[in-house]
Protein backbone atom coordinates (compact mmCIF):
# COMPACT_ATOMS: atom_id res chain seq x y z
CA MET A 1 103.86 -8.44 33.02
CA ILE A 2 103.08 -8.30 36.33
CA LEU A 3 106.58 -9.02 38.72
CA GLY A 4 106.02 -10.88 41.97
CA PRO A 5 107.51 -10.35 44.73
CA TYR A 6 110.41 -13.41 44.07
CA TYR A 7 111.28 -11.48 40.67
CA THR A 8 114.92 -9.99 41.42
CA ASN A 9 116.20 -13.33 43.41
CA ASN A 10 114.59 -15.49 40.85
CA HIS A 11 116.26 -13.38 37.77
CA LYS A 12 119.63 -14.01 39.72
CA ARG A 13 119.29 -17.67 39.37
CA PHE A 14 118.33 -17.60 36.30
CA SER A 15 121.34 -15.70 34.64
CA SER A 16 123.65 -18.78 35.61
CA VAL A 17 121.29 -21.27 33.78
CA THR A 18 123.08 -22.21 30.10
CA PRO A 19 121.17 -22.73 26.92
CA ASP A 20 122.34 -26.18 27.55
CA ASP A 21 120.83 -26.45 31.26
CA TRP A 22 117.63 -25.23 29.88
CA LYS A 23 117.00 -27.93 27.10
CA ILE A 24 117.77 -30.66 29.20
CA VAL A 25 115.30 -28.98 32.10
CA LEU A 26 112.53 -28.58 29.38
CA TYR A 27 112.99 -32.11 28.00
CA LYS A 28 112.78 -33.43 31.16
CA CYS A 29 109.79 -31.77 32.93
CA LYS A 30 107.90 -32.50 29.38
CA LYS A 31 108.72 -36.07 30.16
CA HIS A 32 107.54 -35.66 34.02
CA ILE A 33 104.21 -33.50 32.72
CA ARG A 34 103.82 -36.72 29.96
CA ILE A 35 104.01 -39.73 33.02
CA ARG A 36 101.99 -37.74 35.15
CA LEU A 37 98.94 -37.15 32.85
CA LYS A 38 99.40 -40.62 31.15
CA GLN A 39 95.61 -41.55 29.59
CA LYS A 40 94.11 -38.54 31.21
CA THR A 41 94.39 -35.50 28.47
CA LEU A 42 91.56 -37.05 26.47
CA THR A 43 88.63 -35.74 28.94
CA GLY A 44 88.23 -33.99 32.41
CA ALA A 45 90.59 -31.79 33.92
CA HIS A 46 93.57 -32.11 31.72
CA ALA A 47 92.09 -32.19 28.57
CA ALA A 48 92.79 -29.44 25.64
CA SER A 49 89.50 -28.01 25.36
CA THR A 50 89.26 -27.83 28.97
CA ILE A 51 92.66 -25.59 29.27
CA GLY A 52 92.59 -24.22 25.92
CA SER A 53 95.76 -25.68 24.81
CA ASP A 54 97.74 -28.26 24.62
CA PRO A 55 98.38 -29.96 28.05
CA VAL A 56 102.25 -30.35 28.00
CA GLU A 57 102.59 -27.02 26.72
CA TYR A 58 100.20 -25.18 29.20
CA TYR A 59 101.96 -26.65 32.50
CA LEU A 60 105.21 -26.39 31.39
CA GLY A 61 104.53 -22.88 30.14
CA SER A 62 102.60 -22.07 33.55
CA ALA A 63 105.76 -23.47 35.72
CA TYR A 64 108.03 -21.48 33.59
CA THR A 65 105.84 -17.88 33.63
CA LYS A 66 105.32 -18.12 37.53
CA LEU A 67 109.29 -18.31 38.02
CA LEU A 68 110.16 -15.82 35.19
CA GLU A 69 107.56 -13.13 37.31
CA GLY A 70 108.62 -14.24 40.50
CA ALA A 71 105.13 -15.30 41.23
CA TRP A 72 106.72 -18.31 42.64
CA GLU A 73 110.20 -18.50 45.21
CA TRP A 74 113.03 -20.36 43.26
CA LYS A 75 114.21 -21.65 46.73
CA GLN A 76 117.94 -22.04 47.52
CA GLN A 77 117.53 -25.81 48.06
CA TYR A 78 116.37 -26.83 44.61
CA THR A 79 117.93 -26.87 41.37
CA LEU A 80 116.03 -25.48 38.41
CA LEU A 81 114.65 -28.80 37.01
CA GLU A 82 113.51 -29.46 40.76
CA GLN A 83 111.79 -26.25 41.15
CA MET A 84 109.80 -26.28 37.92
CA ILE A 85 108.84 -29.59 38.80
CA ARG A 86 107.08 -28.55 41.72
CA ALA A 87 105.56 -25.53 39.89
CA ILE A 88 104.21 -27.95 37.44
CA ASP A 89 102.87 -30.23 40.13
CA SER A 90 101.35 -27.46 41.97
CA ALA A 91 99.04 -26.47 38.66
CA ILE A 92 98.35 -29.75 37.91
CA THR A 93 96.40 -30.05 41.46
CA LYS A 94 95.12 -26.89 41.43
CA GLN A 95 93.25 -27.82 37.90
CA VAL A 96 91.90 -30.85 39.27
CA GLU A 97 90.81 -29.25 42.46
CA LYS A 98 88.95 -26.01 40.04
CA HIS A 99 87.53 -28.43 37.78
CA THR A 100 86.48 -31.28 40.31
CA THR A 101 84.59 -28.23 42.43
CA LYS A 102 82.77 -27.05 39.42
CA LYS A 103 82.05 -30.70 38.01
CA ALA A 104 80.64 -31.62 42.02
CA GLU A 105 78.70 -28.24 41.77
CA ALA A 106 77.25 -28.81 38.44
CA LEU A 107 76.15 -32.64 39.48
CA ARG A 108 74.99 -31.60 42.81
CA ILE A 109 71.00 -32.01 42.81
CA ILE A 110 68.47 -30.06 43.55
CA TYR A 111 65.05 -31.71 44.68
CA ARG A 112 62.09 -30.12 44.50
CA ASP A 113 58.80 -30.98 45.71
CA ASP A 114 57.70 -32.19 42.19
CA ILE A 115 60.44 -32.82 39.61
CA THR A 116 57.61 -33.17 37.00
CA ASP A 117 56.78 -29.51 37.03
CA GLU A 118 60.31 -29.37 35.31
CA PHE A 119 59.57 -31.21 32.27
CA TYR A 120 57.12 -28.70 30.70
CA VAL A 121 56.22 -25.08 30.07
CA VAL A 122 52.85 -24.95 31.17
CA GLU A 123 50.43 -22.87 28.49
CA ASP A 124 47.26 -23.29 29.77
CA ASP A 125 45.88 -24.56 33.07
CA HIS A 126 43.95 -27.47 31.13
CA PHE A 127 45.42 -30.95 30.30
CA GLU A 128 43.45 -34.03 29.19
CA PRO A 129 43.82 -36.90 31.56
CA ASP A 130 45.45 -39.33 29.02
CA GLU A 131 48.15 -37.17 27.87
CA GLU A 132 49.26 -36.63 31.47
CA GLN A 133 49.29 -40.00 32.46
CA LYS A 134 50.98 -41.17 29.01
CA PHE A 135 53.36 -38.17 29.40
CA LYS A 136 54.01 -39.30 33.38
CA GLU A 137 54.48 -43.21 32.14
CA GLN A 138 57.13 -42.15 30.00
CA ALA A 139 59.23 -40.11 32.67
CA ASP A 140 58.60 -43.02 34.99
CA ALA A 141 60.14 -45.47 32.10
CA LEU A 142 63.04 -42.97 31.75
CA HIS A 143 63.82 -42.89 35.27
CA ASP A 144 63.53 -46.71 35.61
CA ALA A 145 65.91 -47.49 32.97
CA ALA A 146 68.26 -44.93 34.02
CA ARG A 147 68.08 -46.13 37.37
CA GLY A 148 71.64 -47.84 38.79
CA ASP A 149 73.70 -46.69 35.98
CA THR A 150 75.38 -43.34 37.03
CA GLU A 151 75.94 -42.06 33.73
CA LEU A 152 72.44 -42.84 32.78
CA GLU A 153 70.77 -41.08 35.52
CA ILE A 154 72.96 -37.82 35.16
CA ILE A 155 71.21 -37.84 31.65
CA TYR A 156 67.95 -37.92 32.90
CA GLU A 157 68.19 -35.47 35.50
CA ALA A 158 69.67 -33.23 32.81
CA ILE A 159 67.19 -33.96 30.77
CA CYS A 160 64.64 -32.94 33.46
CA GLU A 161 66.17 -29.87 34.04
CA GLY A 162 66.03 -28.97 30.26
CA MET A 163 69.78 -28.78 29.48
CA LYS A 164 71.33 -28.87 25.95
CA ARG A 165 73.08 -31.68 24.13
CA ALA A 166 76.64 -29.92 24.70
CA ASP A 167 75.89 -28.83 28.02
CA ILE A 168 74.90 -32.57 29.21
CA ALA A 169 77.88 -34.06 26.70
CA GLU A 170 80.58 -31.35 28.79
CA LEU A 171 79.06 -32.49 32.46
CA LEU A 172 79.33 -36.27 31.65
CA GLY A 173 83.08 -34.87 30.73
CA LYS A 174 82.36 -36.44 27.37
CA SER A 175 82.28 -35.68 23.51
CA PRO A 176 78.89 -34.92 22.28
CA LYS A 177 78.78 -38.19 20.10
CA GLN A 178 79.82 -40.25 23.07
CA PHE A 179 76.95 -38.55 24.54
CA ASP A 180 74.82 -39.71 22.03
CA LYS A 181 75.83 -43.34 22.43
CA LEU A 182 74.72 -42.89 26.12
CA LYS A 183 71.72 -41.43 25.22
CA GLU A 184 70.79 -44.22 22.48
CA LYS A 185 71.72 -46.94 25.44
CA LEU A 186 69.38 -45.06 27.70
CA ILE A 187 66.60 -45.29 24.79
CA ASN A 188 67.17 -49.03 24.16
CA LYS A 189 66.79 -49.84 27.62
CA VAL A 190 63.32 -47.94 27.91
CA ARG A 191 62.24 -50.19 24.92
CA LYS A 192 63.97 -53.28 26.21
CA SER A 193 60.99 -52.85 29.35
CA GLN A 194 58.63 -51.85 27.16
CA GLN A 195 58.77 -54.87 24.95
CA SER A 196 58.74 -57.53 28.27
C-alpha cells in the first residue's frame, strides 16, 4: 500500500469513527451511488464489464481506499459521509470522462481519398468489371441504408474498417446480441430498398 500525503491526518480522524458510524456511512454511500447511477450500470462507463466489478462496490471501495491511504484529504469541514460522497462523485466523474474520451477517439472517422480501398485486400491487379460494379453496388446499398441512423452509420464505418463483431458491439456500448439485432436491421433496410 502506497501512503499518500494525507495519511497521517486522515488516520487520526479515522480513529474516532465507531463501527456503528461506519455502518451508517457505508449504507448511505451505497444508497447515494445507486441513486447517482440509476439505469446507467447496464452499459457504458459504469457497466461492470467496463470497470471490472460491481459499480457500487467499485466506487465505494475507491473512495474508502483513497481516504484510508491518504491519497485524498479528509478536510476538517466535512463529516466522513460528506467526504466519502465527494470522493465517490469525483471517481464517477473521472470514469465518465475517461470512457467518453476513449469512446470519442474510437468513433472518430478518418476520411480517406477512396474508402472502398479498405473493403478488400488486393490479391492481384486484375478485377473483372462486373465483379467490381457488383461490389460497389452492394457497398452503396449498405451506405444508403445506414444513412440517417447514427448506430447503423457507425456499424457501416466499422465494417469498412474491418472491425470484428465484439469490437463493434463494444464501440456501440452494446452486447454482441444487441449488435446482431442492429446488423439485422441494416440488412433488412437493404433488402427493402432492393425490393422497391
